[in-house]
Amino acid sequence: GVADWSERWVPSPFIFAIVLTLIAYAAAIVLTPDGAFQN
């Protein structure tokens, strides 16, 4: 069951790295003075 769920929903670790990059980028724009270009 866990493996089936993982195969369906969990992308590769590289995709996770990209997603985490976007999360950090968005959070920095919203929560800090630095804007989109500066980040």
PDB file of all heavy atoms in Angstrom:
ATOM      1  N   GLY A   1       0.812  -1.212   0.000  1.00  0.00           N
ATOM      2  CA  GLY A   1       0.000   0.000   0.000  1.00  0.00           C
ATOM      3  C   GLY A   1       0.842   1.257   0.000  1.00  0.00           C
ATOM      4  O   GLY A   1       0.579   2.200  -0.757  1.00  0.00           O
ATOM      5  N   VAL A   2       1.877   1.279   0.854  1.00  0.00           N
ATOM      6  CA  VAL A   2       2.756   2.442   0.909  1.00  0.00           C
ATOM      7  C   VAL A   2       3.507   2.610  -0.408  1.00  0.00           C
ATOM      8  O   VAL A   2       3.664   3.719  -0.932  1.00  0.00           O
ATOM      9  CB  VAL A   2       3.736   2.312   2.087  1.00  0.00           C
ATOM     10  CG1 VAL A   2       4.784   3.425   2.037  1.00  0.00           C
ATOM     11  CG2 VAL A   2       2.984   2.366   3.408  1.00  0.00           C
ATOM     12  N   ALA A   3       3.986   1.478  -0.958  1.00  0.00           N
ATOM     13  CA  ALA A   3       4.718   1.547  -2.223  1.00  0.00           C
ATOM     14  C   ALA A   3       3.819   2.024  -3.360  1.00  0.00           C
ATOM     15  O   ALA A   3       4.238   2.827  -4.198  1.00  0.00           O
ATOM     16  CB  ALA A   3       5.318   0.185  -2.554  1.00  0.00           C
ATOM     17  N   ASP A   4       2.578   1.533  -3.404  1.00  0.00           N
ATOM     18  CA  ASP A   4       1.648   1.977  -4.449  1.00  0.00           C
ATOM     19  C   ASP A   4       1.394   3.476  -4.343  1.00  0.00           C
ATOM     20  O   ASP A   4       1.351   4.185  -5.353  1.00  0.00           O
ATOM     21  CB  ASP A   4       0.329   1.201  -4.339  1.00  0.00           C
ATOM     22  CG  ASP A   4       0.472  -0.244  -4.801  1.00  0.00           C
ATOM     23  OD1 ASP A   4       1.466  -0.549  -5.486  1.00  0.00           O
ATOM     24  OD2 ASP A   4      -0.416  -1.054  -4.465  1.00  0.00           O
ATOM     25  N   TRP A   5       1.182   3.947  -3.109  1.00  0.00           N
ATOM     26  CA  TRP A   5       0.959   5.379  -2.904  1.00  0.00           C
ATOM     27  C   TRP A   5       2.191   6.172  -3.345  1.00  0.00           C
ATOM     28  O   TRP A   5       2.080   7.207  -4.006  1.00  0.00           O
ATOM     29  CB  TRP A   5       0.661   5.643  -1.430  1.00  0.00           C
ATOM     30  CG  TRP A   5       0.430   7.101  -1.136  1.00  0.00           C
ATOM     31  CD1 TRP A   5      -0.749   7.789  -1.224  1.00  0.00           C
ATOM     32  CD2 TRP A   5       1.419   8.054  -0.712  1.00  0.00           C
ATOM     33  NE1 TRP A   5      -0.554   9.102  -0.882  1.00  0.00           N
ATOM     34  CE2 TRP A   5       0.758   9.293  -0.569  1.00  0.00           C
ATOM     35  CE3 TRP A   5       2.784   7.976  -0.443  1.00  0.00           C
ATOM     36  CZ2 TRP A   5       1.434  10.440  -0.153  1.00  0.00           C
ATOM     37  CZ3 TRP A   5       3.447   9.114  -0.046  1.00  0.00           C
ATOM     38  CH2 TRP A   5       2.771  10.332   0.100  1.00  0.00           C
ATOM     39  N   SER A   6       3.385   5.681  -2.988  1.00  0.00           N
ATOM     40  CA  SER A   6       4.615   6.377  -3.349  1.00  0.00           C
ATOM     41  C   SER A   6       4.796   6.446  -4.860  1.00  0.00           C
ATOM     42  O   SER A   6       5.150   7.486  -5.415  1.00  0.00           O
ATOM     43  CB  SER A   6       5.822   5.678  -2.711  1.00  0.00           C
ATOM     44  OG  SER A   6       5.732   5.714  -1.305  1.00  0.00           O
ATOM     45  N   GLU A   7       4.548   5.303  -5.531  1.00  0.00           N
ATOM     46  CA  GLU A   7       4.720   5.280  -6.978  1.00  0.00           C
ATOM     47  C   GLU A   7       3.755   6.238  -7.672  1.00  0.00           C
ATOM     48  O   GLU A   7       4.070   6.824  -8.704  1.00  0.00           O
ATOM     49  CB  GLU A   7       4.515   3.858  -7.493  1.00  0.00           C
ATOM     50  CG  GLU A   7       5.642   2.908  -7.125  1.00  0.00           C
ATOM     51  CD  GLU A   7       5.393   1.499  -7.619  1.00  0.00           C
ATOM     52  OE1 GLU A   7       4.388   1.293  -8.340  1.00  0.00           O
ATOM     53  OE2 GLU A   7       6.179   0.598  -7.291  1.00  0.00           O
ATOM     54  N   ARG A   8       2.563   6.406  -7.095  1.00  0.00           N
ATOM     55  CA  ARG A   8       1.549   7.259  -7.721  1.00  0.00           C
ATOM     56  C   ARG A   8       1.777   8.739  -7.427  1.00  0.00           C
ATOM     57  O   ARG A   8       1.576   9.582  -8.308  1.00  0.00           O
ATOM     58  CB  ARG A   8       0.154   6.842  -7.233  1.00  0.00           C
ATOM     59  CG  ARG A   8      -0.978   7.619  -7.880  1.00  0.00           C
ATOM     60  CD  ARG A   8      -2.330   7.077  -7.440  1.00  0.00           C
ATOM     61  NE  ARG A   8      -3.431   7.813  -8.016  1.00  0.00           N
ATOM     62  CZ  ARG A   8      -3.942   7.610  -9.222  1.00  0.00           C
ATOM     63  NH1 ARG A   8      -3.428   6.657  -9.982  1.00  0.00           N
ATOM     64  NH2 ARG A   8      -4.934   8.324  -9.677  1.00  0.00           N
ATOM     65  N   TRP A   9       2.217   9.065  -6.220  1.00  0.00           N
ATOM     66  CA  TRP A   9       2.214  10.447  -5.790  1.00  0.00           C
ATOM     67  C   TRP A   9       3.588  11.059  -5.517  1.00  0.00           C
ATOM     68  O   TRP A   9       3.714  12.285  -5.524  1.00  0.00           O
ATOM     69  CB  TRP A   9       1.361  10.601  -4.522  1.00  0.00           C
ATOM     70  CG  TRP A   9      -0.088  10.328  -4.765  1.00  0.00           C
ATOM     71  CD1 TRP A   9      -0.795   9.218  -4.396  1.00  0.00           C
ATOM     72  CD2 TRP A   9      -1.013  11.169  -5.451  1.00  0.00           C
ATOM     73  NE1 TRP A   9      -2.094   9.305  -4.800  1.00  0.00           N
ATOM     74  CE2 TRP A   9      -2.270  10.514  -5.460  1.00  0.00           C
ATOM     75  CE3 TRP A   9      -0.918  12.426  -6.072  1.00  0.00           C
ATOM     76  CZ2 TRP A   9      -3.397  11.055  -6.048  1.00  0.00           C
ATOM     77  CZ3 TRP A   9      -2.043  12.972  -6.659  1.00  0.00           C
ATOM     78  CH2 TRP A   9      -3.272  12.285  -6.638  1.00  0.00           C
ATOM     79  N   VAL A  10       4.585  10.250  -5.229  1.00  0.00           N
ATOM     80  CA  VAL A  10       5.885  10.798  -4.832  1.00  0.00           C
ATOM     81  C   VAL A  10       6.791  10.911  -6.051  1.00  0.00           C
ATOM     82  O   VAL A  10       7.154   9.899  -6.651  1.00  0.00           O
ATOM     83  CB  VAL A  10       6.548   9.913  -3.755  1.00  0.00           C
ATOM     84  CG1 VAL A  10       7.913  10.484  -3.385  1.00  0.00           C
ATOM     85  CG2 VAL A  10       5.656   9.830  -2.518  1.00  0.00           C
ATOM     86  N   PRO A  11       7.171  12.136  -6.447  1.00  0.00           N
ATOM     87  CA  PRO A  11       8.047  12.293  -7.614  1.00  0.00           C
ATOM     88  C   PRO A  11       9.493  11.971  -7.259  1.00  0.00           C
ATOM     89  O   PRO A  11       9.807  11.619  -6.122  1.00  0.00           O
ATOM     90  CB  PRO A  11       7.882  13.778  -7.955  1.00  0.00           C
ATOM     91  CG  PRO A  11       7.589  14.423  -6.638  1.00  0.00           C
ATOM     92  CD  PRO A  11       6.778  13.415  -5.854  1.00  0.00           C
ATOM     93  N   SER A  12      10.381  12.138  -8.222  1.00  0.00           N
ATOM     94  CA  SER A  12      11.790  11.856  -7.982  1.00  0.00           C
ATOM     95  C   SER A  12      12.370  12.889  -7.018  1.00  0.00           C
ATOM     96  O   SER A  12      11.847  14.005  -6.875  1.00  0.00           O
ATOM     97  CB  SER A  12      12.561  11.911  -9.298  1.00  0.00           C
ATOM     98  OG  SER A  12      12.698  13.259  -9.731  1.00  0.00           O
ATOM     99  N   PRO A  13      13.467  12.549  -6.325  1.00  0.00           N
ATOM    100  CA  PRO A  13      14.091  13.503  -5.415  1.00  0.00           C
ATOM    101  C   PRO A  13      14.510  14.806  -6.103  1.00  0.00           C
ATOM    102  O   PRO A  13      14.498  15.861  -5.473  1.00  0.00           O
ATOM    103  CB  PRO A  13      15.310  12.735  -4.884  1.00  0.00           C
ATOM    104  CG  PRO A  13      14.910  11.298  -4.979  1.00  0.00           C
ATOM    105  CD  PRO A  13      14.069  11.210  -6.226  1.00  0.00           C
ATOM    106  N   PHE A  14      14.851  14.746  -7.374  1.00  0.00           N
ATOM    107  CA  PHE A  14      15.221  15.970  -8.089  1.00  0.00           C
ATOM    108  C   PHE A  14      14.024  16.915  -8.200  1.00  0.00           C
ATOM    109  O   PHE A  14      14.156  18.132  -8.037  1.00  0.00           O
ATOM    110  CB  PHE A  14      15.770  15.622  -9.466  1.00  0.00           C
ATOM    111  CG  PHE A  14      16.158  16.825 -10.285  1.00  0.00           C
ATOM    112  CD1 PHE A  14      16.957  17.821  -9.748  1.00  0.00           C
ATOM    113  CD2 PHE A  14      15.728  16.963 -11.597  1.00  0.00           C
ATOM    114  CE1 PHE A  14      17.324  18.931 -10.495  1.00  0.00           C
ATOM    115  CE2 PHE A  14      16.078  18.063 -12.346  1.00  0.00           C
ATOM    116  CZ  PHE A  14      16.875  19.058 -11.795  1.00  0.00           C
ATOM    117  N   ILE A  15      12.839  16.349  -8.457  1.00  0.00           N
ATOM    118  CA  ILE A  15      11.627  17.174  -8.489  1.00  0.00           C
ATOM    119  C   ILE A  15      11.372  17.781  -7.116  1.00  0.00           C
ATOM    120  O   ILE A  15      10.971  18.947  -6.990  1.00  0.00           O
ATOM    121  CB  ILE A  15      10.423  16.351  -8.963  1.00  0.00           C
ATOM    122  CG1 ILE A  15      10.637  15.858 -10.398  1.00  0.00           C
ATOM    123  CG2 ILE A  15       9.139  17.174  -8.868  1.00  0.00           C
ATOM    124  CD1 ILE A  15      10.824  16.957 -11.411  1.00  0.00           C
ATOM    125  N   PHE A  16      11.619  16.994  -6.060  1.00  0.00           N
ATOM    126  CA  PHE A  16      11.478  17.541  -4.711  1.00  0.00           C
ATOM    127  C   PHE A  16      12.418  18.729  -4.506  1.00  0.00           C
ATOM    128  O   PHE A  16      12.047  19.728  -3.882  1.00  0.00           O
ATOM    129  CB  PHE A  16      11.781  16.457  -3.670  1.00  0.00           C
ATOM    130  CG  PHE A  16      10.544  15.769  -3.150  1.00  0.00           C
ATOM    131  CD1 PHE A  16      10.504  14.393  -3.059  1.00  0.00           C
ATOM    132  CD2 PHE A  16       9.444  16.496  -2.738  1.00  0.00           C
ATOM    133  CE1 PHE A  16       9.366  13.745  -2.578  1.00  0.00           C
ATOM    134  CE2 PHE A  16       8.306  15.873  -2.245  1.00  0.00           C
ATOM    135  CZ  PHE A  16       8.273  14.492  -2.167  1.00  0.00           C
ATOM    136  N   ALA A  17      13.640  18.630  -5.022  1.00  0.00           N
ATOM    137  CA  ALA A  17      14.588  19.734  -4.876  1.00  0.00           C
ATOM    138  C   ALA A  17      14.068  20.982  -5.579  1.00  0.00           C
ATOM    139  O   ALA A  17      14.196  22.099  -5.064  1.00  0.00           O
ATOM    140  CB  ALA A  17      15.950  19.325  -5.434  1.00  0.00           C
ATOM    141  N   ILE A  18      13.470  20.805  -6.748  1.00  0.00           N
ATOM    142  CA  ILE A  18      12.906  21.941  -7.475  1.00  0.00           C
ATOM    143  C   ILE A  18      11.709  22.524  -6.733  1.00  0.00           C
ATOM    144  O   ILE A  18      11.577  23.747  -6.585  1.00  0.00           O
ATOM    145  CB  ILE A  18      12.509  21.508  -8.898  1.00  0.00           C
ATOM    146  CG1 ILE A  18      13.760  21.139  -9.710  1.00  0.00           C
ATOM    147  CG2 ILE A  18      11.735  22.625  -9.608  1.00  0.00           C
ATOM    148  CD1 ILE A  18      13.454  20.562 -11.077  1.00  0.00           C
ATOM    149  N   VAL A  19      10.829  21.643  -6.240  1.00  0.00           N
ATOM    150  CA  VAL A  19       9.649  22.104  -5.495  1.00  0.00           C
ATOM    151  C   VAL A  19      10.072  22.864  -4.249  1.00  0.00           C
ATOM    152  O   VAL A  19       9.522  23.931  -3.920  1.00  0.00           O
ATOM    153  CB  VAL A  19       8.742  20.910  -5.137  1.00  0.00           C
ATOM    154  CG1 VAL A  19       7.655  21.343  -4.157  1.00  0.00           C
ATOM    155  CG2 VAL A  19       8.131  20.309  -6.393  1.00  0.00           C
ATOM    156  N   LEU A  20      11.060  22.331  -3.530  1.00  0.00           N
ATOM    157  CA  LEU A  20      11.535  23.010  -2.330  1.00  0.00           C
ATOM    158  C   LEU A  20      12.169  24.353  -2.677  1.00  0.00           C
ATOM    159  O   LEU A  20      12.042  25.321  -1.909  1.00  0.00           O
ATOM    160  CB  LEU A  20      12.543  22.115  -1.605  1.00  0.00           C
ATOM    161  CG  LEU A  20      12.885  22.503  -0.166  1.00  0.00           C
ATOM    162  CD1 LEU A  20      11.641  22.537   0.704  1.00  0.00           C
ATOM    163  CD2 LEU A  20      13.912  21.542   0.420  1.00  0.00           C
ATOM    164  N   THR A  21      12.812  24.438  -3.822  1.00  0.00           N
ATOM    165  CA  THR A  21      13.354  25.718  -4.286  1.00  0.00           C
ATOM    166  C   THR A  21      12.236  26.742  -4.476  1.00  0.00           C
ATOM    167  O   THR A  21      12.339  27.898  -4.040  1.00  0.00           O
ATOM    168  CB  THR A  21      14.112  25.534  -5.612  1.00  0.00           C
ATOM    169  OG1 THR A  21      15.193  24.625  -5.422  1.00  0.00           O
ATOM    170  CG2 THR A  21      14.650  26.862  -6.122  1.00  0.00           C
ATOM    171  N   LEU A  22      11.146  26.310  -5.121  1.00  0.00           N
ATOM    172  CA  LEU A  22      10.013  27.218  -5.359  1.00  0.00           C
ATOM    173  C   LEU A  22       9.353  27.631  -4.056  1.00  0.00           C
ATOM    174  O   LEU A  22       8.938  28.789  -3.896  1.00  0.00           O
ATOM    175  CB  LEU A  22       9.003  26.536  -6.289  1.00  0.00           C
ATOM    176  CG  LEU A  22       9.506  26.211  -7.703  1.00  0.00           C
ATOM    177  CD1 LEU A  22       8.440  25.447  -8.478  1.00  0.00           C
ATOM    178  CD2 LEU A  22       9.896  27.484  -8.447  1.00  0.00           C
ATOM    179  N   ILE A  23       9.254  26.698  -3.102  1.00  0.00           N
ATOM    180  CA  ILE A  23       8.662  27.023  -1.797  1.00  0.00           C
ATOM    181  C   ILE A  23       9.519  28.068  -1.081  1.00  0.00           C
ATOM    182  O   ILE A  23       9.005  29.057  -0.536  1.00  0.00           O
ATOM    183  CB  ILE A  23       8.510  25.756  -0.939  1.00  0.00           C
ATOM    184  CG1 ILE A  23       7.447  24.833  -1.547  1.00  0.00           C
ATOM    185  CG2 ILE A  23       8.141  26.112   0.501  1.00  0.00           C
ATOM    186  CD1 ILE A  23       7.347  23.477  -0.858  1.00  0.00           C
ATOM    187  N   ALA A  24      10.842  27.844  -1.060  1.00  0.00           N
ATOM    188  CA  ALA A  24      11.733  28.799  -0.406  1.00  0.00           C
ATOM    189  C   ALA A  24      11.672  30.158  -1.102  1.00  0.00           C
ATOM    190  O   ALA A  24      11.670  31.212  -0.438  1.00  0.00           O
ATOM    191  CB  ALA A  24      13.162  28.255  -0.412  1.00  0.00           C
ATOM    192  N   TYR A  25      11.609  30.149  -2.431  1.00  0.00           N
ATOM    193  CA  TYR A  25      11.543  31.394  -3.202  1.00  0.00           C
ATOM    194  C   TYR A  25      10.268  32.165  -2.876  1.00  0.00           C
ATOM    195  O   TYR A  25      10.311  33.369  -2.591  1.00  0.00           O
ATOM    196  CB  TYR A  25      11.615  31.053  -4.684  1.00  0.00           C
ATOM    197  CG  TYR A  25      11.502  32.237  -5.622  1.00  0.00           C
ATOM    198  CD1 TYR A  25      12.552  33.143  -5.748  1.00  0.00           C
ATOM    199  CD2 TYR A  25      10.355  32.427  -6.385  1.00  0.00           C
ATOM    200  CE1 TYR A  25      12.453  34.225  -6.617  1.00  0.00           C
ATOM    201  CE2 TYR A  25      10.249  33.502  -7.260  1.00  0.00           C
ATOM    202  CZ  TYR A  25      11.304  34.398  -7.369  1.00  0.00           C
ATOM    203  OH  TYR A  25      11.200  35.465  -8.230  1.00  0.00           O
ATOM    204  N   ALA A  26       9.135  31.468  -2.870  1.00  0.00           N
ATOM    205  CA  ALA A  26       7.864  32.133  -2.566  1.00  0.00           C
ATOM    206  C   ALA A  26       7.836  32.640  -1.130  1.00  0.00           C
ATOM    207  O   ALA A  26       7.370  33.763  -0.854  1.00  0.00           O
ATOM    208  CB  ALA A  26       6.702  31.171  -2.816  1.00  0.00           C
ATOM    209  N   ALA A  27       8.323  31.832  -0.194  1.00  0.00           N
ATOM    210  CA  ALA A  27       8.318  32.246   1.207  1.00  0.00           C
ATOM    211  C   ALA A  27       9.198  33.464   1.424  1.00  0.00           C
ATOM    212  O   ALA A  27       8.841  34.376   2.197  1.00  0.00           O
ATOM    213  CB  ALA A  27       8.785  31.087   2.091  1.00  0.00           C
ATOM    214  N   ALA A  28      10.346  33.510   0.750  1.00  0.00           N
ATOM    215  CA  ALA A  28      11.238  34.657   0.904  1.00  0.00           C
ATOM    216  C   ALA A  28      10.599  35.935   0.366  1.00  0.00           C
ATOM    217  O   ALA A  28      10.758  37.011   0.943  1.00  0.00           O
ATOM    218  CB  ALA A  28      12.569  34.381   0.198  1.00  0.00           C
ATOM    219  N   ILE A  29       9.855  35.824  -0.737  1.00  0.00           N
ATOM    220  CA  ILE A  29       9.183  37.000  -1.303  1.00  0.00           C
ATOM    221  C   ILE A  29       8.112  37.510  -0.347  1.00  0.00           C
ATOM    222  O   ILE A  29       7.968  38.716  -0.111  1.00  0.00           O
ATOM    223  CB  ILE A  29       8.573  36.658  -2.667  1.00  0.00           C
ATOM    224  CG1 ILE A  29       9.679  36.391  -3.697  1.00  0.00           C
ATOM    225  CG2 ILE A  29       7.665  37.793  -3.155  1.00  0.00           C
ATOM    226  CD1 ILE A  29       9.151  35.901  -5.027  1.00  0.00           C
ATOM    227  N   VAL A  30       7.347  36.581   0.231  1.00  0.00           N
ATOM    228  CA  VAL A  30       6.219  36.958   1.086  1.00  0.00           C
ATOM    229  C   VAL A  30       6.677  37.443   2.454  1.00  0.00           C
ATOM    230  O   VAL A  30       6.123  38.416   3.004  1.00  0.00           O
ATOM    231  CB  VAL A  30       5.248  35.758   1.241  1.00  0.00           C
ATOM    232  CG1 VAL A  30       4.158  36.071   2.273  1.00  0.00           C
ATOM    233  CG2 VAL A  30       4.625  35.403  -0.098  1.00  0.00           C
ATOM    234  N   LEU A  31       7.708  36.817   3.025  1.00  0.00           N
ATOM    235  CA  LEU A  31       8.047  37.035   4.425  1.00  0.00           C
ATOM    236  C   LEU A  31       9.246  37.941   4.654  1.00  0.00           C
ATOM    237  O   LEU A  31       9.517  38.321   5.798  1.00  0.00           O
ATOM    238  CB  LEU A  31       8.305  35.685   5.111  1.00  0.00           C
ATOM    239  CG  LEU A  31       7.122  34.696   5.113  1.00  0.00           C
ATOM    240  CD1 LEU A  31       7.556  33.367   5.706  1.00  0.00           C
ATOM    241  CD2 LEU A  31       5.944  35.278   5.895  1.00  0.00           C
ATOM    242  N   THR A  32       9.985  38.277   3.604  1.00  0.00           N
ATOM    243  CA  THR A  32      11.171  39.121   3.779  1.00  0.00           C
ATOM    244  C   THR A  32      11.086  40.334   2.855  1.00  0.00           C
ATOM    245  O   THR A  32      10.285  40.355   1.921  1.00  0.00           O
ATOM    246  CB  THR A  32      12.470  38.335   3.463  1.00  0.00           C
ATOM    247  OG1 THR A  32      12.574  38.143   2.051  1.00  0.00           O
ATOM    248  CG2 THR A  32      12.475  36.996   4.168  1.00  0.00           C
ATOM    249  N   PRO A  33      11.931  41.342   3.089  1.00  0.00           N
ATOM    250  CA  PRO A  33      11.888  42.535   2.233  1.00  0.00           C
ATOM    251  C   PRO A  33      12.365  42.288   0.805  1.00  0.00           C
ATOM    252  O   PRO A  33      12.062  43.095  -0.090  1.00  0.00           O
ATOM    253  CB  PRO A  33      12.834  43.515   2.957  1.00  0.00           C
ATOM    254  CG  PRO A  33      12.935  43.014   4.356  1.00  0.00           C
ATOM    255  CD  PRO A  33      12.815  41.530   4.261  1.00  0.00           C
ATOM    256  N   ASP A  34      13.108  41.237   0.558  1.00  0.00           N
ATOM    257  CA  ASP A  34      13.635  40.988  -0.786  1.00  0.00           C
ATOM    258  C   ASP A  34      12.514  40.619  -1.743  1.00  0.00           C
ATOM    259  O   ASP A  34      11.653  39.785  -1.426  1.00  0.00           O
ATOM    260  CB  ASP A  34      14.678  39.863  -0.764  1.00  0.00           C
ATOM    261  CG  ASP A  34      15.982  40.298  -0.121  1.00  0.00           C
ATOM    262  OD1 ASP A  34      16.113  41.503   0.182  1.00  0.00           O
ATOM    263  OD2 ASP A  34      16.854  39.439   0.093  1.00  0.00           O
ATOM    264  N   GLY A  35      12.538  41.206  -2.920  1.00  0.00           N
ATOM    265  CA  GLY A  35      11.509  40.950  -3.914  1.00  0.00           C
ATOM    266  C   GLY A  35      11.843  39.783  -4.817  1.00  0.00           C
ATOM    267  O   GLY A  35      12.801  39.033  -4.604  1.00  0.00           O
ATOM    268  N   ALA A  36      11.041  39.638  -5.903  1.00  0.00           N
ATOM    269  CA  ALA A  36      11.162  38.486  -6.785  1.00  0.00           C
ATOM    270  C   ALA A  36      12.525  38.447  -7.464  1.00  0.00           C
ATOM    271  O   ALA A  36      13.183  37.389  -7.497  1.00  0.00           O
ATOM    272  CB  ALA A  36      10.052  38.521  -7.835  1.00  0.00           C
ATOM    273  N   PHE A  37      12.975  39.578  -7.998  1.00  0.00           N
ATOM    274  CA  PHE A  37      14.241  39.573  -8.717  1.00  0.00           C
ATOM    275  C   PHE A  37      15.426  39.376  -7.777  1.00  0.00           C
ATOM    276  O   PHE A  37      16.365  38.638  -8.077  1.00  0.00           O
ATOM    277  CB  PHE A  37      14.412  40.880  -9.510  1.00  0.00           C
ATOM    278  CG  PHE A  37      15.681  40.926 -10.314  1.00  0.00           C
ATOM    279  CD1 PHE A  37      15.831  40.118 -11.435  1.00  0.00           C
ATOM    280  CD2 PHE A  37      16.728  41.750  -9.936  1.00  0.00           C
ATOM    281  CE1 PHE A  37      17.007  40.148 -12.175  1.00  0.00           C
ATOM    282  CE2 PHE A  37      17.911  41.788 -10.668  1.00  0.00           C
ATOM    283  CZ  PHE A  37      18.039  40.976 -11.801  1.00  0.00           C
ATOM    284  N   GLN A  38      15.383  40.027  -6.614  1.00  0.00           N
ATOM    285  CA  GLN A  38      16.479  39.903  -5.662  1.00  0.00           C
ATOM    286  C   GLN A  38      16.632  38.456  -5.183  1.00  0.00           C
ATOM    287  O   GLN A  38      17.750  37.976  -4.974  1.00  0.00           O
ATOM    288  CB  GLN A  38      16.262  40.828  -4.458  1.00  0.00           C
ATOM    289  CG  GLN A  38      17.369  40.771  -3.424  1.00  0.00           C
ATOM    290  CD  GLN A  38      18.741  41.117  -4.001  1.00  0.00           C
ATOM    291  OE1 GLN A  38      18.878  42.095  -4.744  1.00  0.00           O
ATOM    292  NE2 GLN A  38      19.750  40.314  -3.675  1.00  0.00           N
ATOM    293  N   ASN A  39      15.528  37.754  -5.057  1.00  0.00           N
ATOM    294  CA  ASN A  39      15.627  36.367  -4.606  1.00  0.00           C
ATOM    295  C   ASN A  39      16.139  35.433  -5.697  1.00  0.00           C
ATOM    296  O   ASN A  39      16.673  34.365  -5.393  1.00  0.00           O
ATOM    297  CB  ASN A  39      14.279  35.885  -4.059  1.00  0.00           C
ATOM    298  CG  ASN A  39      14.112  36.220  -2.591  1.00  0.00           C
ATOM    299  OD1 ASN A  39      14.889  35.795  -1.759  1.00  0.00           O
ATOM    300  ND2 ASN A  39      13.095  37.033  -2.287  1.00  0.00           N
TER     301      ASN A  39
END
